[in-house]
Amino acid sequence: VGYVWSEDLKRAMRTASSLRTGTVMV
């Protein structure tokens, strides 16, 4: 799992797509 905390949706989605995990929670 990966967790991302950001109010910048573009940054959050960039980070989520780059994390090598089965699930990402934003």
PDB file of all heavy atoms in Angstrom:
ATOM      1  N   VAL A   1       0.848  -1.190   0.000  1.00  0.00           N
ATOM      2  CA  VAL A   1       0.000   0.000   0.000  1.00  0.00           C
ATOM      3  C   VAL A   1       0.878   1.233   0.000  1.00  0.00           C
ATOM      4  O   VAL A   1       2.009   1.215   0.498  1.00  0.00           O
ATOM      5  CB  VAL A   1      -0.923   0.018   1.249  1.00  0.00           C
ATOM      6  CG1 VAL A   1      -1.772   1.280   1.292  1.00  0.00           C
ATOM      7  CG2 VAL A   1      -1.830  -1.211   1.257  1.00  0.00           C
ATOM      8  N   GLY A   2       0.369   2.314  -0.558  1.00  0.00           N
ATOM      9  CA  GLY A   2       0.990   3.624  -0.446  1.00  0.00           C
ATOM     10  C   GLY A   2      -0.063   4.649  -0.068  1.00  0.00           C
ATOM     11  O   GLY A   2      -1.251   4.494  -0.408  1.00  0.00           O
ATOM     12  N   TYR A   3       0.343   5.702   0.647  1.00  0.00           N
ATOM     13  CA  TYR A   3      -0.570   6.763   1.056  1.00  0.00           C
ATOM     14  C   TYR A   3       0.001   8.097   0.580  1.00  0.00           C
ATOM     15  O   TYR A   3       1.201   8.342   0.696  1.00  0.00           O
ATOM     16  CB  TYR A   3      -0.730   6.795   2.576  1.00  0.00           C
ATOM     17  CG  TYR A   3      -1.265   5.507   3.164  1.00  0.00           C
ATOM     18  CD1 TYR A   3      -0.407   4.453   3.481  1.00  0.00           C
ATOM     19  CD2 TYR A   3      -2.626   5.344   3.406  1.00  0.00           C
ATOM     20  CE1 TYR A   3      -0.892   3.268   4.018  1.00  0.00           C
ATOM     21  CE2 TYR A   3      -3.119   4.160   3.950  1.00  0.00           C
ATOM     22  CZ  TYR A   3      -2.249   3.125   4.248  1.00  0.00           C
ATOM     23  OH  TYR A   3      -2.728   1.953   4.770  1.00  0.00           O
ATOM     24  N   VAL A   4      -0.877   8.941   0.045  1.00  0.00           N
ATOM     25  CA  VAL A   4      -0.466  10.257  -0.460  1.00  0.00           C
ATOM     26  C   VAL A   4      -1.384  11.301   0.150  1.00  0.00           C
ATOM     27  O   VAL A   4      -2.618  11.180   0.086  1.00  0.00           O
ATOM     28  CB  VAL A   4      -0.535  10.320  -1.996  1.00  0.00           C
ATOM     29  CG1 VAL A   4      -0.066  11.700  -2.484  1.00  0.00           C
ATOM     30  CG2 VAL A   4       0.304   9.222  -2.633  1.00  0.00           C
ATOM     31  N   TRP A   5      -0.763  12.346   0.705  1.00  0.00           N
ATOM     32  CA  TRP A   5      -1.522  13.442   1.310  1.00  0.00           C
ATOM     33  C   TRP A   5      -1.141  14.732   0.591  1.00  0.00           C
ATOM     34  O   TRP A   5      -0.014  15.220   0.716  1.00  0.00           O
ATOM     35  CB  TRP A   5      -1.223  13.545   2.806  1.00  0.00           C
ATOM     36  CG  TRP A   5      -1.542  12.270   3.534  1.00  0.00           C
ATOM     37  CD1 TRP A   5      -0.688  11.227   3.757  1.00  0.00           C
ATOM     38  CD2 TRP A   5      -2.798  11.892   4.091  1.00  0.00           C
ATOM     39  NE1 TRP A   5      -1.341  10.218   4.427  1.00  0.00           N
ATOM     40  CE2 TRP A   5      -2.637  10.597   4.649  1.00  0.00           C
ATOM     41  CE3 TRP A   5      -4.039  12.523   4.186  1.00  0.00           C
ATOM     42  CZ2 TRP A   5      -3.671   9.923   5.274  1.00  0.00           C
ATOM     43  CZ3 TRP A   5      -5.075  11.854   4.830  1.00  0.00           C
ATOM     44  CH2 TRP A   5      -4.887  10.579   5.363  1.00  0.00           C
ATOM     45  N   SER A   6      -2.091  15.273  -0.195  1.00  0.00           N
ATOM     46  CA  SER A   6      -1.837  16.495  -0.960  1.00  0.00           C
ATOM     47  C   SER A   6      -3.164  17.075  -1.431  1.00  0.00           C
ATOM     48  O   SER A   6      -4.080  16.323  -1.795  1.00  0.00           O
ATOM     49  CB  SER A   6      -0.946  16.196  -2.178  1.00  0.00           C
ATOM     50  OG  SER A   6      -0.818  17.337  -3.006  1.00  0.00           O
ATOM     51  N   GLU A   7      -3.254  18.411  -1.424  1.00  0.00           N
ATOM     52  CA  GLU A   7      -4.426  19.086  -1.979  1.00  0.00           C
ATOM     53  C   GLU A   7      -4.249  19.388  -3.460  1.00  0.00           C
ATOM     54  O   GLU A   7      -5.185  19.856  -4.107  1.00  0.00           O
ATOM     55  CB  GLU A   7      -4.696  20.385  -1.213  1.00  0.00           C
ATOM     56  CG  GLU A   7      -5.127  20.179   0.240  1.00  0.00           C
ATOM     57  CD  GLU A   7      -6.448  19.440   0.352  1.00  0.00           C
ATOM     58  OE1 GLU A   7      -7.495  20.033   0.030  1.00  0.00           O
ATOM     59  OE2 GLU A   7      -6.435  18.249   0.745  1.00  0.00           O
ATOM     60  N   ASP A   8      -3.069  19.110  -4.008  1.00  0.00           N
ATOM     61  CA  ASP A   8      -2.788  19.291  -5.429  1.00  0.00           C
ATOM     62  C   ASP A   8      -3.117  17.973  -6.135  1.00  0.00           C
ATOM     63  O   ASP A   8      -2.351  17.012  -6.065  1.00  0.00           O
ATOM     64  CB  ASP A   8      -1.317  19.665  -5.617  1.00  0.00           C
ATOM     65  CG  ASP A   8      -0.953  19.946  -7.075  1.00  0.00           C
ATOM     66  OD1 ASP A   8      -1.658  19.449  -7.977  1.00  0.00           O
ATOM     67  OD2 ASP A   8       0.062  20.622  -7.307  1.00  0.00           O
ATOM     68  N   LEU A   9      -4.267  17.916  -6.808  1.00  0.00           N
ATOM     69  CA  LEU A   9      -4.725  16.668  -7.393  1.00  0.00           C
ATOM     70  C   LEU A   9      -3.751  16.127  -8.431  1.00  0.00           C
ATOM     71  O   LEU A   9      -3.505  14.915  -8.500  1.00  0.00           O
ATOM     72  CB  LEU A   9      -6.108  16.855  -8.018  1.00  0.00           C
ATOM     73  CG  LEU A   9      -6.732  15.601  -8.634  1.00  0.00           C
ATOM     74  CD1 LEU A   9      -6.889  14.509  -7.585  1.00  0.00           C
ATOM     75  CD2 LEU A   9      -8.074  15.934  -9.280  1.00  0.00           C
ATOM     76  N   LYS A  10      -3.169  17.015  -9.239  1.00  0.00           N
ATOM     77  CA  LYS A  10      -2.226  16.554 -10.265  1.00  0.00           C
ATOM     78  C   LYS A  10      -1.001  15.910  -9.606  1.00  0.00           C
ATOM     79  O   LYS A  10      -0.539  14.853 -10.041  1.00  0.00           O
ATOM     80  CB  LYS A  10      -1.800  17.723 -11.148  1.00  0.00           C
ATOM     81  CG  LYS A  10      -2.906  18.243 -12.054  1.00  0.00           C
ATOM     82  CD  LYS A  10      -2.401  19.375 -12.940  1.00  0.00           C
ATOM     83  CE  LYS A  10      -3.517  19.882 -13.855  1.00  0.00           C
ATOM     84  NZ  LYS A  10      -3.038  21.013 -14.718  1.00  0.00           N
ATOM     85  N   ARG A  11      -0.478  16.537  -8.581  1.00  0.00           N
ATOM     86  CA  ARG A  11       0.683  15.968  -7.883  1.00  0.00           C
ATOM     87  C   ARG A  11       0.297  14.640  -7.229  1.00  0.00           C
ATOM     88  O   ARG A  11       1.059  13.669  -7.295  1.00  0.00           O
ATOM     89  CB  ARG A  11       1.196  16.949  -6.834  1.00  0.00           C
ATOM     90  CG  ARG A  11       2.196  16.313  -5.857  1.00  0.00           C
ATOM     91  CD  ARG A  11       2.661  17.306  -4.809  1.00  0.00           C
ATOM     92  NE  ARG A  11       3.791  18.070  -5.310  1.00  0.00           N
ATOM     93  CZ  ARG A  11       4.484  18.943  -4.579  1.00  0.00           C
ATOM     94  NH1 ARG A  11       4.136  19.171  -3.325  1.00  0.00           N
ATOM     95  NH2 ARG A  11       5.500  19.590  -5.092  1.00  0.00           N
ATOM     96  N   ALA A  12      -0.862  14.604  -6.598  1.00  0.00           N
ATOM     97  CA  ALA A  12      -1.301  13.371  -5.938  1.00  0.00           C
ATOM     98  C   ALA A  12      -1.420  12.232  -6.936  1.00  0.00           C
ATOM     99  O   ALA A  12      -0.986  11.102  -6.669  1.00  0.00           O
ATOM    100  CB  ALA A  12      -2.629  13.598  -5.229  1.00  0.00           C
ATOM    101  N   MET A  13      -1.971  12.515  -8.111  1.00  0.00           N
ATOM    102  CA  MET A  13      -2.149  11.468  -9.117  1.00  0.00           C
ATOM    103  C   MET A  13      -0.817  11.065  -9.739  1.00  0.00           C
ATOM    104  O   MET A  13      -0.604   9.888 -10.055  1.00  0.00           O
ATOM    105  CB  MET A  13      -3.132  11.920 -10.187  1.00  0.00           C
ATOM    106  CG  MET A  13      -4.552  12.086  -9.678  1.00  0.00           C
ATOM    107  SD  MET A  13      -5.192  10.600  -8.851  1.00  0.00           S
ATOM    108  CE  MET A  13      -5.214   9.443 -10.219  1.00  0.00           C
ATOM    109  N   ARG A  14       0.088  12.012  -9.918  1.00  0.00           N
ATOM    110  CA  ARG A  14       1.424  11.664 -10.413  1.00  0.00           C
ATOM    111  C   ARG A  14       2.114  10.714  -9.437  1.00  0.00           C
ATOM    112  O   ARG A  14       2.732   9.722  -9.821  1.00  0.00           O
ATOM    113  CB  ARG A  14       2.290  12.914 -10.583  1.00  0.00           C
ATOM    114  CG  ARG A  14       2.066  13.723 -11.816  1.00  0.00           C
ATOM    115  CD  ARG A  14       3.226  14.682 -12.089  1.00  0.00           C
ATOM    116  NE  ARG A  14       3.618  15.491 -10.948  1.00  0.00           N
ATOM    117  CZ  ARG A  14       3.107  16.694 -10.655  1.00  0.00           C
ATOM    118  NH1 ARG A  14       2.141  17.196 -11.426  1.00  0.00           N
ATOM    119  NH2 ARG A  14       3.540  17.369  -9.614  1.00  0.00           N
ATOM    120  N   THR A  15       2.016  11.069  -8.173  1.00  0.00           N
ATOM    121  CA  THR A  15       2.659  10.240  -7.152  1.00  0.00           C
ATOM    122  C   THR A  15       2.021   8.856  -7.091  1.00  0.00           C
ATOM    123  O   THR A  15       2.715   7.832  -7.046  1.00  0.00           O
ATOM    124  CB  THR A  15       2.570  10.923  -5.783  1.00  0.00           C
ATOM    125  OG1 THR A  15       3.162  12.229  -5.866  1.00  0.00           O
ATOM    126  CG2 THR A  15       3.293  10.112  -4.718  1.00  0.00           C
ATOM    127  N   ALA A  16       0.690   8.816  -7.100  1.00  0.00           N
ATOM    128  CA  ALA A  16      -0.011   7.533  -7.027  1.00  0.00           C
ATOM    129  C   ALA A  16       0.375   6.631  -8.190  1.00  0.00           C
ATOM    130  O   ALA A  16       0.594   5.424  -8.007  1.00  0.00           O
ATOM    131  CB  ALA A  16      -1.518   7.763  -7.009  1.00  0.00           C
ATOM    132  N   SER A  17       0.473   7.182  -9.386  1.00  0.00           N
ATOM    133  CA  SER A  17       0.800   6.358 -10.555  1.00  0.00           C
ATOM    134  C   SER A  17       2.248   5.889 -10.533  1.00  0.00           C
ATOM    135  O   SER A  17       2.597   4.913 -11.207  1.00  0.00           O
ATOM    136  CB  SER A  17       0.528   7.134 -11.848  1.00  0.00           C
ATOM    137  OG  SER A  17       1.406   8.246 -11.969  1.00  0.00           O
ATOM    138  N   SER A  18       3.086   6.550  -9.752  1.00  0.00           N
ATOM    139  CA  SER A  18       4.513   6.200  -9.711  1.00  0.00           C
ATOM    140  C   SER A  18       4.851   5.222  -8.593  1.00  0.00           C
ATOM    141  O   SER A  18       5.933   4.630  -8.603  1.00  0.00           O
ATOM    142  CB  SER A  18       5.357   7.469  -9.528  1.00  0.00           C
ATOM    143  OG  SER A  18       5.175   8.364 -10.616  1.00  0.00           O
ATOM    144  N   LEU A  19       3.953   5.059  -7.621  1.00  0.00           N
ATOM    145  CA  LEU A  19       4.232   4.159  -6.508  1.00  0.00           C
ATOM    146  C   LEU A  19       4.035   2.708  -6.940  1.00  0.00           C
ATOM    147  O   LEU A  19       3.017   2.363  -7.547  1.00  0.00           O
ATOM    148  CB  LEU A  19       3.331   4.474  -5.316  1.00  0.00           C
ATOM    149  CG  LEU A  19       3.585   5.805  -4.615  1.00  0.00           C
ATOM    150  CD1 LEU A  19       2.564   6.028  -3.510  1.00  0.00           C
ATOM    151  CD2 LEU A  19       5.004   5.861  -4.052  1.00  0.00           C
ATOM    152  N   ARG A  20       4.990   1.858  -6.613  1.00  0.00           N
ATOM    153  CA  ARG A  20       4.943   0.445  -6.977  1.00  0.00           C
ATOM    154  C   ARG A  20       4.258  -0.344  -5.868  1.00  0.00           C
ATOM    155  O   ARG A  20       4.895  -1.096  -5.115  1.00  0.00           O
ATOM    156  CB  ARG A  20       6.354  -0.074  -7.234  1.00  0.00           C
ATOM    157  CG  ARG A  20       7.059   0.578  -8.414  1.00  0.00           C
ATOM    158  CD  ARG A  20       6.558   0.013  -9.716  1.00  0.00           C
ATOM    159  NE  ARG A  20       6.871  -1.416  -9.806  1.00  0.00           N
ATOM    160  CZ  ARG A  20       6.221  -2.260 -10.610  1.00  0.00           C
ATOM    161  NH1 ARG A  20       5.223  -1.834 -11.350  1.00  0.00           N
ATOM    162  NH2 ARG A  20       6.570  -3.539 -10.645  1.00  0.00           N
ATOM    163  N   THR A  21       2.951  -0.139  -5.760  1.00  0.00           N
ATOM    164  CA  THR A  21       2.165  -0.803  -4.721  1.00  0.00           C
ATOM    165  C   THR A  21       0.847  -1.271  -5.313  1.00  0.00           C
ATOM    166  O   THR A  21       0.358  -0.724  -6.308  1.00  0.00           O
ATOM    167  CB  THR A  21       1.870   0.151  -3.541  1.00  0.00           C
ATOM    168  OG1 THR A  21       1.094   1.263  -4.017  1.00  0.00           O
ATOM    169  CG2 THR A  21       3.159   0.660  -2.920  1.00  0.00           C
ATOM    170  N   GLY A  22       0.250  -2.268  -4.673  1.00  0.00           N
ATOM    171  CA  GLY A  22      -1.020  -2.788  -5.154  1.00  0.00           C
ATOM    172  C   GLY A  22      -2.186  -1.856  -4.923  1.00  0.00           C
ATOM    173  O   GLY A  22      -3.181  -1.901  -5.646  1.00  0.00           O
ATOM    174  N   THR A  23      -2.103  -1.007  -3.918  1.00  0.00           N
ATOM    175  CA  THR A  23      -3.156  -0.042  -3.599  1.00  0.00           C
ATOM    176  C   THR A  23      -2.504   1.275  -3.216  1.00  0.00           C
ATOM    177  O   THR A  23      -1.469   1.287  -2.544  1.00  0.00           O
ATOM    178  CB  THR A  23      -4.026  -0.535  -2.427  1.00  0.00           C
ATOM    179  OG1 THR A  23      -4.647  -1.776  -2.774  1.00  0.00           O
ATOM    180  CG2 THR A  23      -5.105   0.475  -2.063  1.00  0.00           C
ATOM    181  N   VAL A  24      -3.105   2.380  -3.660  1.00  0.00           N
ATOM    182  CA  VAL A  24      -2.687   3.715  -3.224  1.00  0.00           C
ATOM    183  C   VAL A  24      -3.924   4.424  -2.678  1.00  0.00           C
ATOM    184  O   VAL A  24      -4.978   4.430  -3.313  1.00  0.00           O
ATOM    185  CB  VAL A  24      -2.068   4.537  -4.366  1.00  0.00           C
ATOM    186  CG1 VAL A  24      -1.649   5.917  -3.848  1.00  0.00           C
ATOM    187  CG2 VAL A  24      -0.874   3.818  -4.975  1.00  0.00           C
ATOM    188  N   MET A  25      -3.789   5.021  -1.507  1.00  0.00           N
ATOM    189  CA  MET A  25      -4.885   5.764  -0.906  1.00  0.00           C
ATOM    190  C   MET A  25      -4.495   7.233  -0.847  1.00  0.00           C
ATOM    191  O   MET A  25      -3.433   7.576  -0.321  1.00  0.00           O
ATOM    192  CB  MET A  25      -5.191   5.224   0.491  1.00  0.00           C
ATOM    193  CG  MET A  25      -5.547   3.740   0.474  1.00  0.00           C
ATOM    194  SD  MET A  25      -6.054   3.104   2.080  1.00  0.00           S
ATOM    195  CE  MET A  25      -5.929   1.329   1.771  1.00  0.00           C
ATOM    196  N   VAL A  26      -5.327   8.084  -1.411  1.00  0.00           N
ATOM    197  CA  VAL A  26      -5.049   9.514  -1.506  1.00  0.00           C
ATOM    198  C   VAL A  26      -5.973  10.258  -0.550  1.00  0.00           C
ATOM    199  O   VAL A  26      -7.202  10.170  -0.651  1.00  0.00           O
ATOM    200  CB  VAL A  26      -5.241  10.019  -2.951  1.00  0.00           C
ATOM    201  CG1 VAL A  26      -4.991  11.535  -3.026  1.00  0.00           C
ATOM    202  CG2 VAL A  26      -4.304   9.283  -3.906  1.00  0.00           C
TER     203      VAL A  26
END
